[in-house]
Each structure stands twice: as C-alpha cells, then as structure tokens.
All heavy atoms as atom14 arrays in JSON, in Angstrom:
{
  "sequence": "AVVRPEFARFELECWIIPKKHVDSFVDFDKRTAALF",
  "atom14_mask": [
    [1, 1, 1, 1, 1, 0, 0, 0, 0, 0, 0, 0, 0, 0],
    [1, 1, 1, 1, 1, 1, 1, 0, 0, 0, 0, 0, 0, 0],
    [1, 1, 1, 1, 1, 1, 1, 0, 0, 0, 0, 0, 0, 0],
    [1, 1, 1, 1, 1, 1, 1, 1, 1, 1, 1, 0, 0, 0],
    [1, 1, 1, 1, 1, 1, 1, 0, 0, 0, 0, 0, 0, 0],
    [1, 1, 1, 1, 1, 1, 1, 1, 1, 0, 0, 0, 0, 0],
    [1, 1, 1, 1, 1, 1, 1, 1, 1, 1, 1, 0, 0, 0],
    [1, 1, 1, 1, 1, 0, 0, 0, 0, 0, 0, 0, 0, 0],
    [1, 1, 1, 1, 1, 1, 1, 1, 1, 1, 1, 0, 0, 0],
    [1, 1, 1, 1, 1, 1, 1, 1, 1, 1, 1, 0, 0, 0],
    [1, 1, 1, 1, 1, 1, 1, 1, 1, 0, 0, 0, 0, 0],
    [1, 1, 1, 1, 1, 1, 1, 1, 0, 0, 0, 0, 0, 0],
    [1, 1, 1, 1, 1, 1, 1, 1, 1, 0, 0, 0, 0, 0],
    [1, 1, 1, 1, 1, 1, 0, 0, 0, 0, 0, 0, 0, 0],
    [1, 1, 1, 1, 1, 1, 1, 1, 1, 1, 1, 1, 1, 1],
    [1, 1, 1, 1, 1, 1, 1, 1, 0, 0, 0, 0, 0, 0],
    [1, 1, 1, 1, 1, 1, 1, 1, 0, 0, 0, 0, 0, 0],
    [1, 1, 1, 1, 1, 1, 1, 0, 0, 0, 0, 0, 0, 0],
    [1, 1, 1, 1, 1, 1, 1, 1, 1, 0, 0, 0, 0, 0],
    [1, 1, 1, 1, 1, 1, 1, 1, 1, 0, 0, 0, 0, 0],
    [1, 1, 1, 1, 1, 1, 1, 1, 1, 1, 0, 0, 0, 0],
    [1, 1, 1, 1, 1, 1, 1, 0, 0, 0, 0, 0, 0, 0],
    [1, 1, 1, 1, 1, 1, 1, 1, 0, 0, 0, 0, 0, 0],
    [1, 1, 1, 1, 1, 1, 0, 0, 0, 0, 0, 0, 0, 0],
    [1, 1, 1, 1, 1, 1, 1, 1, 1, 1, 1, 0, 0, 0],
    [1, 1, 1, 1, 1, 1, 1, 0, 0, 0, 0, 0, 0, 0],
    [1, 1, 1, 1, 1, 1, 1, 1, 0, 0, 0, 0, 0, 0],
    [1, 1, 1, 1, 1, 1, 1, 1, 1, 1, 1, 0, 0, 0],
    [1, 1, 1, 1, 1, 1, 1, 1, 0, 0, 0, 0, 0, 0],
    [1, 1, 1, 1, 1, 1, 1, 1, 1, 0, 0, 0, 0, 0],
    [1, 1, 1, 1, 1, 1, 1, 1, 1, 1, 1, 0, 0, 0],
    [1, 1, 1, 1, 1, 1, 1, 0, 0, 0, 0, 0, 0, 0],
    [1, 1, 1, 1, 1, 0, 0, 0, 0, 0, 0, 0, 0, 0],
    [1, 1, 1, 1, 1, 0, 0, 0, 0, 0, 0, 0, 0, 0],
    [1, 1, 1, 1, 1, 1, 1, 1, 0, 0, 0, 0, 0, 0],
    [1, 1, 1, 1, 1, 1, 1, 1, 1, 1, 1, 0, 0, 0]
  ],
  "atom14_positions": [
    [[31.73, -35.03, 16.14], [32.99, -34.87, 15.42], [32.99, -35.95, 14.25], [32.57, -37.07, 14.45], [34.23, -35.2, 16.34], [0.0, 0.0, 0.0], [0.0, 0.0, 0.0], [0.0, 0.0, 0.0], [0.0, 0.0, 0.0], [0.0, 0.0, 0.0], [0.0, 0.0, 0.0], [0.0, 0.0, 0.0], [0.0, 0.0, 0.0], [0.0, 0.0, 0.0]],
    [[33.36, -35.47, 13.15], [33.53, -36.3, 11.92], [34.97, -36.52, 11.73], [35.72, -35.65, 11.48], [32.87, -35.72, 10.72], [33.08, -36.58, 9.47], [31.31, -35.48, 10.95], [0.0, 0.0, 0.0], [0.0, 0.0, 0.0], [0.0, 0.0, 0.0], [0.0, 0.0, 0.0], [0.0, 0.0, 0.0], [0.0, 0.0, 0.0], [0.0, 0.0, 0.0]],
    [[35.41, -37.81, 11.79], [36.8, -38.12, 11.71], [37.13, -39.14, 10.66], [36.19, -39.87, 10.19], [37.32, -38.74, 13.05], [36.93, -37.73, 14.24], [36.68, -40.06, 13.32], [0.0, 0.0, 0.0], [0.0, 0.0, 0.0], [0.0, 0.0, 0.0], [0.0, 0.0, 0.0], [0.0, 0.0, 0.0], [0.0, 0.0, 0.0], [0.0, 0.0, 0.0]],
    [[38.35, -39.17, 10.18], [38.87, -40.2, 9.38], [39.65, -41.15, 10.16], [40.71, -40.76, 10.62], [39.73, -39.6, 8.21], [39.94, -40.55, 7.01], [41.14, -41.42, 7.18], [41.46, -42.12, 5.92], [42.52, -42.86, 5.87], [43.33, -43.13, 6.83], [42.81, -43.52, 4.7], [0.0, 0.0, 0.0], [0.0, 0.0, 0.0], [0.0, 0.0, 0.0]],
    [[39.16, -42.3, 10.48], [39.88, -43.21, 11.44], [41.28, -43.54, 11.0], [41.5, -43.69, 9.79], [39.02, -44.45, 11.53], [38.18, -44.44, 10.3], [37.94, -42.95, 9.97], [0.0, 0.0, 0.0], [0.0, 0.0, 0.0], [0.0, 0.0, 0.0], [0.0, 0.0, 0.0], [0.0, 0.0, 0.0], [0.0, 0.0, 0.0], [0.0, 0.0, 0.0]],
    [[42.17, -43.66, 11.89], [43.53, -44.03, 11.58], [43.68, -45.37, 10.91], [44.66, -45.56, 10.06], [44.43, -44.05, 12.85], [44.49, -42.66, 13.58], [45.24, -42.81, 14.87], [44.87, -43.65, 15.68], [46.21, -41.99, 15.01], [0.0, 0.0, 0.0], [0.0, 0.0, 0.0], [0.0, 0.0, 0.0], [0.0, 0.0, 0.0], [0.0, 0.0, 0.0]],
    [[42.75, -46.31, 11.15], [42.87, -47.65, 10.61], [41.73, -47.89, 9.52], [41.18, -48.89, 9.41], [42.73, -48.73, 11.68], [41.69, -48.29, 12.72], [40.36, -48.62, 12.51], [42.1, -47.71, 13.92], [39.43, -48.27, 13.48], [41.15, -47.32, 14.82], [39.8, -47.62, 14.66], [0.0, 0.0, 0.0], [0.0, 0.0, 0.0], [0.0, 0.0, 0.0]],
    [[41.43, -46.82, 8.74], [40.34, -46.9, 7.79], [40.57, -48.04, 6.76], [41.66, -48.22, 6.27], [40.23, -45.55, 7.06], [0.0, 0.0, 0.0], [0.0, 0.0, 0.0], [0.0, 0.0, 0.0], [0.0, 0.0, 0.0], [0.0, 0.0, 0.0], [0.0, 0.0, 0.0], [0.0, 0.0, 0.0], [0.0, 0.0, 0.0], [0.0, 0.0, 0.0]],
    [[39.41, -48.65, 6.44], [39.42, -49.7, 5.38], [39.19, -49.11, 4.05], [39.64, -49.71, 3.0], [38.37, -50.79, 5.71], [38.63, -51.64, 6.94], [37.43, -52.46, 7.21], [36.25, -51.8, 7.49], [35.03, -52.34, 7.42], [34.88, -53.59, 7.1], [33.95, -51.67, 7.76], [0.0, 0.0, 0.0], [0.0, 0.0, 0.0], [0.0, 0.0, 0.0]],
    [[38.57, -48.0, 3.97], [38.22, -47.36, 2.7], [38.92, -46.01, 2.6], [39.18, -45.35, 3.66], [36.7, -47.14, 2.58], [35.89, -48.42, 2.65], [35.55, -48.93, 3.78], [35.59, -49.1, 1.46], [34.83, -50.11, 3.87], [34.86, -50.28, 1.54], [34.53, -50.77, 2.74], [0.0, 0.0, 0.0], [0.0, 0.0, 0.0], [0.0, 0.0, 0.0]],
    [[39.36, -45.58, 1.45], [40.21, -44.44, 1.24], [39.64, -43.17, 1.94], [40.41, -42.45, 2.56], [40.41, -44.13, -0.21], [41.23, -45.21, -0.91], [41.47, -44.98, -2.38], [40.74, -44.08, -2.98], [42.35, -45.57, -3.01], [0.0, 0.0, 0.0], [0.0, 0.0, 0.0], [0.0, 0.0, 0.0], [0.0, 0.0, 0.0], [0.0, 0.0, 0.0]],
    [[38.36, -42.87, 1.78], [37.82, -41.66, 2.32], [36.76, -41.97, 3.4], [35.79, -41.23, 3.62], [37.12, -40.84, 1.21], [38.09, -40.34, 0.12], [37.31, -39.64, -0.99], [39.18, -39.47, 0.72], [0.0, 0.0, 0.0], [0.0, 0.0, 0.0], [0.0, 0.0, 0.0], [0.0, 0.0, 0.0], [0.0, 0.0, 0.0], [0.0, 0.0, 0.0]],
    [[36.95, -43.1, 4.15], [36.04, -43.49, 5.21], [35.94, -42.44, 6.31], [36.99, -41.79, 6.68], [36.6, -44.84, 5.84], [35.78, -45.33, 6.98], [36.25, -46.68, 7.49], [37.03, -47.36, 6.71], [35.83, -47.11, 8.53], [0.0, 0.0, 0.0], [0.0, 0.0, 0.0], [0.0, 0.0, 0.0], [0.0, 0.0, 0.0], [0.0, 0.0, 0.0]],
    [[34.74, -42.21, 6.74], [34.46, -41.19, 7.77], [33.62, -41.8, 8.88], [32.76, -42.6, 8.61], [33.76, -39.97, 7.26], [34.74, -38.94, 6.13], [0.0, 0.0, 0.0], [0.0, 0.0, 0.0], [0.0, 0.0, 0.0], [0.0, 0.0, 0.0], [0.0, 0.0, 0.0], [0.0, 0.0, 0.0], [0.0, 0.0, 0.0], [0.0, 0.0, 0.0]],
    [[33.88, -41.42, 10.12], [33.0, -41.8, 11.2], [32.39, -40.52, 11.87], [33.13, -39.58, 12.0], [33.8, -42.5, 12.33], [34.25, -43.9, 11.96], [34.16, -44.53, 10.71], [34.96, -44.81, 12.82], [34.79, -45.75, 10.75], [35.26, -46.0, 12.03], [35.41, -44.83, 14.11], [35.92, -47.07, 12.55], [35.99, -45.85, 14.66], [36.3, -47.04, 13.92]],
    [[31.12, -40.58, 12.14], [30.39, -39.56, 12.83], [30.22, -39.91, 14.27], [29.44, -40.9, 14.54], [29.09, -39.21, 12.19], [29.29, -38.89, 10.65], [28.37, -38.08, 12.81], [27.97, -38.84, 9.85], [0.0, 0.0, 0.0], [0.0, 0.0, 0.0], [0.0, 0.0, 0.0], [0.0, 0.0, 0.0], [0.0, 0.0, 0.0], [0.0, 0.0, 0.0]],
    [[30.88, -39.23, 15.19], [30.87, -39.76, 16.58], [30.37, -38.63, 17.48], [30.86, -37.47, 17.46], [32.34, -40.06, 17.0], [32.94, -41.08, 16.09], [32.32, -40.63, 18.48], [34.44, -41.34, 16.41], [0.0, 0.0, 0.0], [0.0, 0.0, 0.0], [0.0, 0.0, 0.0], [0.0, 0.0, 0.0], [0.0, 0.0, 0.0], [0.0, 0.0, 0.0]],
    [[29.29, -38.96, 18.32], [28.86, -37.98, 19.28], [30.0, -37.64, 20.27], [30.7, -38.52, 20.74], [27.67, -38.73, 19.99], [27.35, -39.84, 19.07], [28.58, -40.22, 18.34], [0.0, 0.0, 0.0], [0.0, 0.0, 0.0], [0.0, 0.0, 0.0], [0.0, 0.0, 0.0], [0.0, 0.0, 0.0], [0.0, 0.0, 0.0], [0.0, 0.0, 0.0]],
    [[30.07, -36.38, 20.68], [31.14, -36.02, 21.65], [30.76, -36.52, 22.99], [31.66, -36.76, 23.82], [31.26, -34.48, 21.66], [31.87, -33.95, 20.28], [32.03, -32.43, 20.31], [32.62, -31.93, 19.01], [32.78, -30.39, 19.01], [0.0, 0.0, 0.0], [0.0, 0.0, 0.0], [0.0, 0.0, 0.0], [0.0, 0.0, 0.0], [0.0, 0.0, 0.0]],
    [[29.43, -36.68, 23.28], [29.01, -37.24, 24.54], [28.7, -38.77, 24.35], [28.28, -39.15, 23.29], [27.73, -36.53, 25.0], [27.93, -35.01, 25.34], [26.58, -34.38, 25.7], [26.79, -32.84, 25.98], [25.5, -32.28, 26.19], [0.0, 0.0, 0.0], [0.0, 0.0, 0.0], [0.0, 0.0, 0.0], [0.0, 0.0, 0.0], [0.0, 0.0, 0.0]],
    [[29.02, -39.5, 25.31], [28.91, -40.98, 25.26], [27.35, -41.26, 25.29], [26.75, -41.24, 26.34], [29.58, -41.66, 26.3], [29.8, -43.11, 26.1], [30.98, -43.67, 25.77], [28.95, -44.14, 26.22], [30.87, -44.97, 25.64], [29.61, -45.25, 25.95], [0.0, 0.0, 0.0], [0.0, 0.0, 0.0], [0.0, 0.0, 0.0], [0.0, 0.0, 0.0]],
    [[26.82, -41.78, 24.21], [25.35, -42.16, 24.14], [25.3, -43.59, 23.48], [26.15, -43.97, 22.71], [24.54, -41.19, 23.3], [24.48, -39.83, 24.0], [25.08, -41.02, 21.96], [0.0, 0.0, 0.0], [0.0, 0.0, 0.0], [0.0, 0.0, 0.0], [0.0, 0.0, 0.0], [0.0, 0.0, 0.0], [0.0, 0.0, 0.0], [0.0, 0.0, 0.0]],
    [[24.2, -44.28, 23.8], [24.06, -45.66, 23.38], [23.47, -45.8, 21.95], [23.75, -46.66, 21.18], [23.18, -46.47, 24.3], [23.79, -46.67, 25.66], [25.1, -46.63, 25.73], [23.15, -46.95, 26.65], [0.0, 0.0, 0.0], [0.0, 0.0, 0.0], [0.0, 0.0, 0.0], [0.0, 0.0, 0.0], [0.0, 0.0, 0.0], [0.0, 0.0, 0.0]],
    [[22.56, -44.82, 21.66], [21.8, -44.89, 20.43], [21.28, -43.59, 19.99], [21.11, -42.67, 20.83], [20.68, -45.9, 20.56], [19.78, -45.9, 19.4], [0.0, 0.0, 0.0], [0.0, 0.0, 0.0], [0.0, 0.0, 0.0], [0.0, 0.0, 0.0], [0.0, 0.0, 0.0], [0.0, 0.0, 0.0], [0.0, 0.0, 0.0], [0.0, 0.0, 0.0]],
    [[20.97, -43.45, 18.74], [20.34, -42.12, 18.32], [18.97, -41.91, 18.78], [18.54, -40.83, 18.8], [20.36, -42.01, 16.75], [19.51, -43.05, 16.01], [18.15, -42.76, 15.8], [20.04, -44.22, 15.56], [17.39, -43.7, 15.12], [19.27, -45.15, 14.91], [17.9, -44.87, 14.7], [0.0, 0.0, 0.0], [0.0, 0.0, 0.0], [0.0, 0.0, 0.0]],
    [[18.34, -42.93, 19.34], [16.96, -42.73, 19.93], [17.08, -41.85, 21.2], [16.08, -41.39, 21.69], [16.28, -44.09, 20.2], [16.07, -44.84, 18.9], [17.03, -44.94, 21.19], [0.0, 0.0, 0.0], [0.0, 0.0, 0.0], [0.0, 0.0, 0.0], [0.0, 0.0, 0.0], [0.0, 0.0, 0.0], [0.0, 0.0, 0.0], [0.0, 0.0, 0.0]],
    [[18.28, -41.71, 21.75], [18.52, -40.95, 22.92], [18.64, -39.48, 22.64], [18.73, -38.59, 23.55], [19.73, -41.44, 23.73], [19.61, -42.88, 24.18], [18.49, -43.26, 24.53], [20.66, -43.63, 24.17], [0.0, 0.0, 0.0], [0.0, 0.0, 0.0], [0.0, 0.0, 0.0], [0.0, 0.0, 0.0], [0.0, 0.0, 0.0], [0.0, 0.0, 0.0]],
    [[18.71, -39.04, 21.36], [18.95, -37.73, 20.99], [17.7, -36.85, 21.25], [16.59, -37.27, 21.06], [19.24, -37.61, 19.52], [20.6, -38.12, 19.07], [20.76, -38.32, 17.68], [21.47, -38.51, 19.93], [21.97, -38.84, 17.27], [22.72, -39.05, 19.5], [22.94, -39.23, 18.18], [0.0, 0.0, 0.0], [0.0, 0.0, 0.0], [0.0, 0.0, 0.0]],
    [[17.9, -35.67, 21.82], [16.81, -34.69, 21.87], [16.73, -33.95, 20.49], [17.53, -34.25, 19.56], [17.03, -33.68, 22.97], [18.28, -32.92, 22.89], [18.84, -32.78, 21.82], [18.83, -32.44, 23.97], [0.0, 0.0, 0.0], [0.0, 0.0, 0.0], [0.0, 0.0, 0.0], [0.0, 0.0, 0.0], [0.0, 0.0, 0.0], [0.0, 0.0, 0.0]],
    [[15.78, -33.05, 20.35], [15.53, -32.51, 19.0], [16.77, -31.76, 18.52], [17.13, -31.79, 17.34], [14.37, -31.54, 19.11], [13.82, -31.0, 17.82], [12.62, -30.18, 17.95], [12.1, -29.63, 16.61], [10.88, -28.84, 16.75], [0.0, 0.0, 0.0], [0.0, 0.0, 0.0], [0.0, 0.0, 0.0], [0.0, 0.0, 0.0], [0.0, 0.0, 0.0]],
    [[17.44, -30.96, 19.38], [18.59, -30.24, 19.01], [19.76, -31.13, 18.56], [20.43, -30.88, 17.49], [19.07, -29.36, 20.18], [20.35, -28.59, 19.92], [20.82, -27.75, 21.12], [22.17, -27.17, 20.95], [23.26, -27.82, 21.27], [23.29, -29.05, 21.67], [24.46, -27.22, 21.06], [0.0, 0.0, 0.0], [0.0, 0.0, 0.0], [0.0, 0.0, 0.0]],
    [[20.01, -32.19, 19.35], [21.06, -33.08, 18.96], [20.74, -33.85, 17.71], [21.65, -34.03, 16.87], [21.31, -34.13, 20.13], [21.52, -33.4, 21.36], [22.43, -35.03, 19.86], [0.0, 0.0, 0.0], [0.0, 0.0, 0.0], [0.0, 0.0, 0.0], [0.0, 0.0, 0.0], [0.0, 0.0, 0.0], [0.0, 0.0, 0.0], [0.0, 0.0, 0.0]],
    [[19.49, -34.15, 17.53], [19.1, -34.86, 16.25], [19.35, -34.0, 15.05], [19.85, -34.44, 14.02], [17.67, -35.29, 16.37], [0.0, 0.0, 0.0], [0.0, 0.0, 0.0], [0.0, 0.0, 0.0], [0.0, 0.0, 0.0], [0.0, 0.0, 0.0], [0.0, 0.0, 0.0], [0.0, 0.0, 0.0], [0.0, 0.0, 0.0], [0.0, 0.0, 0.0]],
    [[19.07, -32.7, 15.16], [19.29, -31.74, 14.11], [20.79, -31.57, 13.77], [21.18, -31.6, 12.6], [18.64, -30.38, 14.46], [0.0, 0.0, 0.0], [0.0, 0.0, 0.0], [0.0, 0.0, 0.0], [0.0, 0.0, 0.0], [0.0, 0.0, 0.0], [0.0, 0.0, 0.0], [0.0, 0.0, 0.0], [0.0, 0.0, 0.0], [0.0, 0.0, 0.0]],
    [[21.61, -31.53, 14.81], [23.05, -31.41, 14.64], [23.61, -32.73, 14.02], [24.56, -32.69, 13.28], [23.7, -31.11, 15.92], [23.49, -29.65, 16.47], [23.98, -29.46, 17.88], [24.21, -28.71, 15.51], [0.0, 0.0, 0.0], [0.0, 0.0, 0.0], [0.0, 0.0, 0.0], [0.0, 0.0, 0.0], [0.0, 0.0, 0.0], [0.0, 0.0, 0.0]],
    [[23.01, -33.88, 14.43], [23.44, -35.1, 13.82], [23.15, -35.2, 12.29], [24.02, -35.51, 11.52], [22.74, -36.33, 14.5], [22.93, -37.63, 13.72], [24.13, -38.16, 13.71], [21.87, -38.21, 13.15], [24.34, -39.4, 13.03], [22.04, -39.39, 12.43], [23.26, -40.02, 12.4], [0.0, 0.0, 0.0], [0.0, 0.0, 0.0], [0.0, 0.0, 0.0]]
  ]
}
C-alpha cells in the first residue's frame, strides 16, 4: 500500500508499506520484489 501519512513532513510525502509484516526487503521472494 502506498499512503500519504497523516503526519507528513513534506507536502506530497508517500510511504510504501508491505501489507504483510516483514523486517527487510531481503525477505522478499521474486514476486514480492517485482511488486515492490
């Protein structure tokens, strides 16, 4: 999910957040990496 945080410091700030709780992008499989 790409969101604009409620407490953004920058006007068009965006966060890219995995829907599943993961520690790091090194945990992504090939499909998840492509979607990221």
